[in-house]
PDB file of N, CA and C in Angstrom:
ATOM      1  N   MET A   1     160.827  14.852 -33.565  1.00  0.00           N
ATOM      2  CA  MET A   1     159.565  14.142 -33.479  1.00  0.00           C
ATOM      3  C   MET A   1     159.808  12.782 -32.832  1.00  0.00           C
ATOM      4  N   ASP A   2     159.596  12.716 -31.548  1.00  0.00           N
ATOM      5  CA  ASP A   2     159.844  11.504 -30.780  1.00  0.00           C
ATOM      6  C   ASP A   2     158.865  10.396 -31.159  1.00  0.00           C
ATOM      7  N   LEU A   3     157.643  10.768 -31.464  1.00  0.00           N
ATOM      8  CA  LEU A   3     156.614   9.786 -31.817  1.00  0.00           C
ATOM      9  C   LEU A   3     156.968   9.036 -33.092  1.00  0.00           C
ATOM     10  N   LEU A   4     157.514   9.740 -34.058  1.00  0.00           N
ATOM     11  CA  LEU A   4     157.908   9.107 -35.320  1.00  0.00           C
ATOM     12  C   LEU A   4     159.042   8.108 -35.079  1.00  0.00           C
ATOM     13  N   GLU A   5     159.987   8.449 -34.222  1.00  0.00           N
ATOM     14  CA  GLU A   5     161.074   7.526 -33.883  1.00  0.00           C
ATOM     15  C   GLU A   5     160.526   6.278 -33.201  1.00  0.00           C
ATOM     16  N   GLU A   6     159.539   6.477 -32.318  1.00  0.00           N
ATOM     17  CA  GLU A   6     158.905   5.353 -31.638  1.00  0.00           C
ATOM     18  C   GLU A   6     158.223   4.425 -32.643  1.00  0.00           C
ATOM     19  N   ALA A   7     157.534   5.033 -33.610  1.00  0.00           N
ATOM     20  CA  ALA A   7     156.837   4.253 -34.635  1.00  0.00           C
ATOM     21  C   ALA A   7     157.824   3.475 -35.495  1.00  0.00           C
ATOM     22  N   ILE A   8     158.941   4.087 -35.852  1.00  0.00           N
ATOM     23  CA  ILE A   8     159.964   3.410 -36.651  1.00  0.00           C
ATOM     24  C   ILE A   8     160.552   2.241 -35.868  1.00  0.00           C
ATOM     25  N   ALA A   9     160.811   2.448 -34.573  1.00  0.00           N
ATOM     26  CA  ALA A   9     161.358   1.372 -33.736  1.00  0.00           C
ATOM     27  C   ALA A   9     160.365   0.214 -33.644  1.00  0.00           C
ATOM     28  N   PHE A  10     159.079   0.530 -33.498  1.00  0.00           N
ATOM     29  CA  PHE A  10     158.058  -0.520 -33.434  1.00  0.00           C
ATOM     30  C   PHE A  10     157.978  -1.272 -34.753  1.00  0.00           C
ATOM     31  N   GLU A  11     158.037  -0.531 -35.850  1.00  0.00           N
ATOM     32  CA  GLU A  11     157.944  -1.144 -37.173  1.00  0.00           C
ATOM     33  C   GLU A  11     159.111  -2.098 -37.431  1.00  0.00           C
ATOM     34  N   ASN A  12     160.289  -1.746 -36.952  1.00  0.00           N
ATOM     35  CA  ASN A  12     161.487  -2.557 -37.190  1.00  0.00           C
ATOM     36  C   ASN A  12     161.675  -3.673 -36.170  1.00  0.00           C
ATOM     37  N   ALA A  13     160.866  -3.705 -35.124  1.00  0.00           N
ATOM     38  CA  ALA A  13     161.007  -4.720 -34.079  1.00  0.00           C
ATOM     39  C   ALA A  13     160.614  -6.093 -34.617  1.00  0.00           C
ATOM     40  N   LYS A  14     161.321  -7.108 -34.164  1.00  0.00           N
ATOM     41  CA  LYS A  14     161.014  -8.486 -34.556  1.00  0.00           C
ATOM     42  C   LYS A  14     159.768  -8.952 -33.807  1.00  0.00           C
ATOM     43  N   MET A  15     158.900  -9.628 -34.516  1.00  0.00           N
ATOM     44  CA  MET A  15     157.658 -10.086 -33.910  1.00  0.00           C
ATOM     45  C   MET A  15     157.591 -11.613 -33.805  1.00  0.00           C
ATOM     46  N   SER A  16     158.720 -12.285 -33.991  1.00  0.00           N
ATOM     47  CA  SER A  16     158.713 -13.742 -33.900  1.00  0.00           C
ATOM     48  C   SER A  16     158.906 -14.168 -32.447  1.00  0.00           C
ATOM     49  N   ASN A  17     158.469 -15.366 -32.139  1.00  0.00           N
ATOM     50  CA  ASN A  17     158.596 -15.946 -30.802  1.00  0.00           C
ATOM     51  C   ASN A  17     157.937 -15.091 -29.723  1.00  0.00           C
ATOM     52  N   MET A  18     156.760 -14.552 -30.031  1.00  0.00           N
ATOM     53  CA  MET A  18     156.036 -13.743 -29.057  1.00  0.00           C
ATOM     54  C   MET A  18     154.970 -14.588 -28.387  1.00  0.00           C
ATOM     55  N   SER A  19     154.767 -14.369 -27.095  1.00  0.00           N
ATOM     56  CA  SER A  19     153.663 -15.032 -26.404  1.00  0.00           C
ATOM     57  C   SER A  19     152.364 -14.313 -26.755  1.00  0.00           C
ATOM     58  N   THR A  20     151.259 -14.905 -26.378  1.00  0.00           N
ATOM     59  CA  THR A  20     149.959 -14.301 -26.665  1.00  0.00           C
ATOM     60  C   THR A  20     149.845 -12.944 -25.997  1.00  0.00           C
ATOM     61  N   SER A  21     150.288 -12.834 -24.764  1.00  0.00           N
ATOM     62  CA  SER A  21     150.191 -11.546 -24.073  1.00  0.00           C
ATOM     63  C   SER A  21     151.098 -10.504 -24.728  1.00  0.00           C
ATOM     64  N   ASP A  22     152.253 -10.933 -25.243  1.00  0.00           N
ATOM     65  CA  ASP A  22     153.131 -10.009 -25.967  1.00  0.00           C
ATOM     66  C   ASP A  22     152.447  -9.497 -27.232  1.00  0.00           C
ATOM     67  N   ARG A  23     151.713 -10.371 -27.903  1.00  0.00           N
ATOM     68  CA  ARG A  23     150.994  -9.968 -29.118  1.00  0.00           C
ATOM     69  C   ARG A  23     149.889  -8.958 -28.801  1.00  0.00           C
ATOM     70  N   VAL A  24     149.191  -9.179 -27.695  1.00  0.00           N
ATOM     71  CA  VAL A  24     148.139  -8.246 -27.280  1.00  0.00           C
ATOM     72  C   VAL A  24     148.755  -6.878 -26.997  1.00  0.00           C
ATOM     73  N   VAL A  25     149.866  -6.867 -26.284  1.00  0.00           N
ATOM     74  CA  VAL A  25     150.548  -5.607 -25.962  1.00  0.00           C
ATOM     75  C   VAL A  25     151.021  -4.921 -27.246  1.00  0.00           C
ATOM     76  N   ALA A  26     151.580  -5.694 -28.176  1.00  0.00           N
ATOM     77  CA  ALA A  26     152.068  -5.129 -29.437  1.00  0.00           C
ATOM     78  C   ALA A  26     150.915  -4.560 -30.259  1.00  0.00           C
ATOM     79  N   SER A  27     149.793  -5.237 -30.265  1.00  0.00           N
ATOM     80  CA  SER A  27     148.627  -4.759 -31.007  1.00  0.00           C
ATOM     81  C   SER A  27     148.123  -3.440 -30.430  1.00  0.00           C
ATOM     82  N   ARG A  28     148.081  -3.354 -29.112  1.00  0.00           N
ATOM     83  CA  ARG A  28     147.640  -2.109 -28.460  1.00  0.00           C
ATOM     84  C   ARG A  28     148.629  -0.978 -28.700  1.00  0.00           C
ATOM     85  N   GLU A  29     149.906  -1.310 -28.689  1.00  0.00           N
ATOM     86  CA  GLU A  29     150.933  -0.292 -28.951  1.00  0.00           C
ATOM     87  C   GLU A  29     150.805   0.243 -30.378  1.00  0.00           C
ATOM     88  N   ALA A  30     150.563  -0.654 -31.328  1.00  0.00           N
ATOM     89  CA  ALA A  30     150.391  -0.235 -32.719  1.00  0.00           C
ATOM     90  C   ALA A  30     149.182   0.685 -32.842  1.00  0.00           C
ATOM     91  N   LYS A  31     148.109   0.340 -32.174  1.00  0.00           N
ATOM     92  CA  LYS A  31     146.902   1.175 -32.219  1.00  0.00           C
ATOM     93  C   LYS A  31     147.195   2.548 -31.623  1.00  0.00           C
ATOM     94  N   ARG A  32     147.893   2.580 -30.504  1.00  0.00           N
ATOM     95  CA  ARG A  32     148.224   3.853 -29.854  1.00  0.00           C
ATOM     96  C   ARG A  32     149.061   4.733 -30.780  1.00  0.00           C
ATOM     97  N   LEU A  33     150.050   4.123 -31.428  1.00  0.00           N
ATOM     98  CA  LEU A  33     150.912   4.874 -32.334  1.00  0.00           C
ATOM     99  C   LEU A  33     150.145   5.407 -33.537  1.00  0.00           C
ATOM    100  N   VAL A  34     149.295   4.586 -34.123  1.00  0.00           N
ATOM    101  CA  VAL A  34     148.527   5.022 -35.293  1.00  0.00           C
ATOM    102  C   VAL A  34     147.606   6.179 -34.921  1.00  0.00           C
ATOM    103  N   LEU A  35     146.927   6.075 -33.783  1.00  0.00           N
ATOM    104  CA  LEU A  35     146.023   7.147 -33.376  1.00  0.00           C
ATOM    105  C   LEU A  35     146.774   8.440 -33.073  1.00  0.00           C
ATOM    106  N   ALA A  36     147.941   8.322 -32.454  1.00  0.00           N
ATOM    107  CA  ALA A  36     148.739   9.515 -32.154  1.00  0.00           C
ATOM    108  C   ALA A  36     149.265  10.152 -33.442  1.00  0.00           C
ATOM    109  N   LEU A  37     149.738   9.323 -34.361  1.00  0.00           N
ATOM    110  CA  LEU A  37     150.212   9.851 -35.645  1.00  0.00           C
ATOM    111  C   LEU A  37     149.066  10.492 -36.430  1.00  0.00           C
ATOM    112  N   ASN A  38     147.878   9.916 -36.310  1.00  0.00           N
ATOM    113  CA  ASN A  38     146.724  10.460 -37.019  1.00  0.00           C
ATOM    114  C   ASN A  38     146.384  11.869 -36.527  1.00  0.00           C
ATOM    115  N   GLU A  39     146.524  12.111 -35.231  1.00  0.00           N
ATOM    116  CA  GLU A  39     146.261  13.451 -34.696  1.00  0.00           C
ATOM    117  C   GLU A  39     147.210  14.471 -35.310  1.00  0.00           C
ATOM    118  N   ILE A  40     148.473  14.081 -35.458  1.00  0.00           N
ATOM    119  CA  ILE A  40     149.454  14.988 -36.076  1.00  0.00           C
ATOM    120  C   ILE A  40     149.147  15.138 -37.559  1.00  0.00           C
ATOM    121  N   TYR A  41     148.771  14.024 -38.199  1.00  0.00           N
ATOM    122  CA  TYR A  41     148.481  14.059 -39.637  1.00  0.00           C
ATOM    123  C   TYR A  41     147.323  15.006 -39.948  1.00  0.00           C
ATOM    124  N   LYS A  42     146.322  15.049 -39.081  1.00  0.00           N
ATOM    125  CA  LYS A  42     145.174  15.936 -39.295  1.00  0.00           C
ATOM    126  C   LYS A  42     145.627  17.396 -39.423  1.00  0.00           C
ATOM    127  N   GLU A  43     146.667  17.750 -38.674  1.00  0.00           N
ATOM    128  CA  GLU A  43     147.171  19.131 -38.695  1.00  0.00           C
ATOM    129  C   GLU A  43     148.077  19.393 -39.901  1.00  0.00           C
ATOM    130  N   THR A  44     148.967  18.428 -40.191  1.00  0.00           N
ATOM    131  CA  THR A  44     150.043  18.688 -41.158  1.00  0.00           C
ATOM    132  C   THR A  44     149.776  18.148 -42.559  1.00  0.00           C
ATOM    133  N   LYS A  45     148.953  17.102 -42.674  1.00  0.00           N
ATOM    134  CA  LYS A  45     148.708  16.430 -43.963  1.00  0.00           C
ATOM    135  C   LYS A  45     150.008  15.942 -44.609  1.00  0.00           C
ATOM    136  N   ASP A  46     150.948  15.511 -43.777  1.00  0.00           N
ATOM    137  CA  ASP A  46     152.252  15.039 -44.243  1.00  0.00           C
ATOM    138  C   ASP A  46     152.119  13.617 -44.794  1.00  0.00           C
ATOM    139  N   PRO A  47     152.446  13.392 -46.074  1.00  0.00           N
ATOM    140  CA  PRO A  47     152.301  12.045 -46.653  1.00  0.00           C
ATOM    141  C   PRO A  47     153.213  11.002 -45.996  1.00  0.00           C
ATOM    142  N   VAL A  48     154.310  11.431 -45.401  1.00  0.00           N
ATOM    143  CA  VAL A  48     155.203  10.498 -44.699  1.00  0.00           C
ATOM    144  C   VAL A  48     154.465   9.874 -43.515  1.00  0.00           C
ATOM    145  N   LEU A  49     153.687  10.688 -42.816  1.00  0.00           N
ATOM    146  CA  LEU A  49     152.912  10.169 -41.685  1.00  0.00           C
ATOM    147  C   LEU A  49     151.856   9.174 -42.153  1.00  0.00           C
ATOM    148  N   MET A  50     151.225   9.467 -43.280  1.00  0.00           N
ATOM    149  CA  MET A  50     150.209   8.555 -43.814  1.00  0.00           C
ATOM    150  C   MET A  50     150.834   7.212 -44.166  1.00  0.00           C
ATOM    151  N   ASP A  51     151.998   7.236 -44.794  1.00  0.00           N
ATOM    152  CA  ASP A  51     152.688   5.990 -45.140  1.00  0.00           C
ATOM    153  C   ASP A  51     153.047   5.201 -43.889  1.00  0.00           C
ATOM    154  N   MET A  52     153.506   5.896 -42.856  1.00  0.00           N
ATOM    155  CA  MET A  52     153.872   5.237 -41.599  1.00  0.00           C
ATOM    156  C   MET A  52     152.633   4.600 -40.962  1.00  0.00           C
ATOM    157  N   MET A  53     151.515   5.318 -40.970  1.00  0.00           N
ATOM    158  CA  MET A  53     150.279   4.768 -40.391  1.00  0.00           C
ATOM    159  C   MET A  53     149.826   3.529 -41.160  1.00  0.00           C
ATOM    160  N   LYS A  54     149.966   3.543 -42.470  1.00  0.00           N
ATOM    161  CA  LYS A  54     149.577   2.386 -43.283  1.00  0.00           C
ATOM    162  C   LYS A  54     150.433   1.171 -42.940  1.00  0.00           C
ATOM    163  N   ARG A  55     151.746   1.389 -42.810  1.00  0.00           N
ATOM    164  CA  ARG A  55     152.641   0.265 -42.492  1.00  0.00           C
ATOM    165  C   ARG A  55     152.362  -0.283 -41.096  1.00  0.00           C
ATOM    166  N   LEU A  56     152.126   0.608 -40.127  1.00  0.00           N
ATOM    167  CA  LEU A  56     151.828   0.155 -38.767  1.00  0.00           C
ATOM    168  C   LEU A  56     150.497  -0.601 -38.721  1.00  0.00           C
ATOM    169  N   THR A  57     149.524  -0.133 -39.476  1.00  0.00           N
ATOM    170  CA  THR A  57     148.227  -0.800 -39.510  1.00  0.00           C
ATOM    171  C   THR A  57     148.365  -2.197 -40.104  1.00  0.00           C
ATOM    172  N   GLU A  58     149.177  -2.331 -41.134  1.00  0.00           N
ATOM    173  CA  GLU A  58     149.402  -3.646 -41.745  1.00  0.00           C
ATOM    174  C   GLU A  58     150.070  -4.591 -40.748  1.00  0.00           C
ATOM    175  N   LYS A  59     151.048  -4.093 -40.011  1.00  0.00           N
ATOM    176  CA  LYS A  59     151.727  -4.921 -39.012  1.00  0.00           C
ATOM    177  C   LYS A  59     150.744  -5.319 -37.907  1.00  0.00           C
ATOM    178  N   LYS A  60     149.886  -4.394 -37.508  1.00  0.00           N
ATOM    179  CA  LYS A  60     148.873  -4.665 -36.486  1.00  0.00           C
ATOM    180  C   LYS A  60     147.914  -5.748 -36.966  1.00  0.00           C
ATOM    181  N   ARG A  61     147.520  -5.692 -38.233  1.00  0.00           N
ATOM    182  CA  ARG A  61     146.620  -6.715 -38.783  1.00  0.00           C
ATOM    183  C   ARG A  61     147.263  -8.095 -38.743  1.00  0.00           C
ATOM    184  N   LYS A  62     148.549  -8.151 -39.061  1.00  0.00           N
ATOM    185  CA  LYS A  62     149.253  -9.435 -39.031  1.00  0.00           C
ATOM    186  C   LYS A  62     149.303  -9.990 -37.609  1.00  0.00           C
ATOM    187  N   ILE A  63     149.562  -9.127 -36.641  1.00  0.00           N
ATOM    188  CA  ILE A  63     149.607  -9.557 -35.238  1.00  0.00           C
ATOM    189  C   ILE A  63     148.238 -10.076 -34.822  1.00  0.00           C
ATOM    190  N   GLU A  64     147.180  -9.338 -35.171  1.00  0.00           N
ATOM    191  CA  GLU A  64     145.831  -9.739 -34.772  1.00  0.00           C
ATOM    192  C   GLU A  64     145.390 -11.024 -35.471  1.00  0.00           C
ATOM    193  N   LYS A  65     145.819 -11.201 -36.720  1.00  0.00           N
ATOM    194  CA  LYS A  65     145.492 -12.436 -37.427  1.00  0.00           C
ATOM    195  C   LYS A  65     146.108 -13.621 -36.691  1.00  0.00           C
ATOM    196  N   ARG A  66     147.334 -13.446 -36.217  1.00  0.00           N
ATOM    197  CA  ARG A  66     148.015 -14.509 -35.478  1.00  0.00           C
ATOM    198  C   ARG A  66     147.341 -14.755 -34.126  1.00  0.00           C
ATOM    199  N   LEU A  67     146.803 -13.696 -33.518  1.00  0.00           N
ATOM    200  CA  LEU A  67     146.112 -13.844 -32.238  1.00  0.00           C
ATOM    201  C   LEU A  67     144.833 -14.673 -32.385  1.00  0.00           C
ATOM    202  N   LYS A  68     144.116 -14.453 -33.478  1.00  0.00           N
ATOM    203  CA  LYS A  68     142.848 -15.156 -33.672  1.00  0.00           C
ATOM    204  C   LYS A  68     143.055 -16.618 -34.002  1.00  0.00           C
ATOM    205  N   GLY A  69     144.180 -16.962 -34.584  1.00  0.00           N
ATOM    206  CA  GLY A  69     144.456 -18.345 -34.916  1.00  0.00           C
ATOM    207  C   GLY A  69     143.747 -18.779 -36.179  1.00  0.00           C
ATOM    208  N   ARG A  70     143.817 -20.049 -36.458  1.00  0.00           N
ATOM    209  CA  ARG A  70     143.198 -20.590 -37.670  1.00  0.00           C
ATOM    210  C   ARG A  70     141.810 -21.120 -37.341  1.00  0.00           C
ATOM    211  N   PRO A  71     140.861 -20.915 -38.241  1.00  0.00           N
ATOM    212  CA  PRO A  71     139.526 -21.487 -38.004  1.00  0.00           C
ATOM    213  C   PRO A  71     139.576 -23.001 -38.167  1.00  0.00           C
ATOM    214  N   PRO A  72     138.666 -23.714 -37.500  1.00  0.00           N
ATOM    215  CA  PRO A  72     138.666 -25.170 -37.642  1.00  0.00           C
ATOM    216  C   PRO A  72     138.333 -25.575 -39.081  1.00  0.00           C
ATOM    217  N   GLU A  73     138.901 -26.682 -39.511  1.00  0.00           N
ATOM    218  CA  GLU A  73     138.682 -27.163 -40.875  1.00  0.00           C
ATOM    219  C   GLU A  73     137.241 -27.614 -41.063  1.00  0.00           C
ATOM    220  N   ALA A  74     136.664 -27.277 -42.208  1.00  0.00           N
ATOM    221  CA  ALA A  74     135.288 -27.723 -42.509  1.00  0.00           C
ATOM    222  C   ALA A  74     135.315 -29.200 -42.904  1.00  0.00           C
ATOM    223  N   GLU A  75     134.332 -29.911 -42.448  1.00  0.00           N
ATOM    224  CA  GLU A  75     134.281 -31.352 -42.751  1.00  0.00           C
ATOM    225  C   GLU A  75     133.389 -31.630 -43.916  1.00  0.00           C
TER     226      GLU A  75
END
């Protein structure tokens, strides 16, 4: 399963010192992996795939949170 190896490599990749464009690319890659894993999960109902999708989604949320930045302070 090449896709699972790709997902594991993405999950273990360091996300520090990334430029904004790198974060956008990483977010899109995470989305692509989750959607591809979901197609396989629909067929197999493998709980390992579900756990992997959850972890990738969490990492994607962290990347997107960093992309949006902090809201301005209320006065």
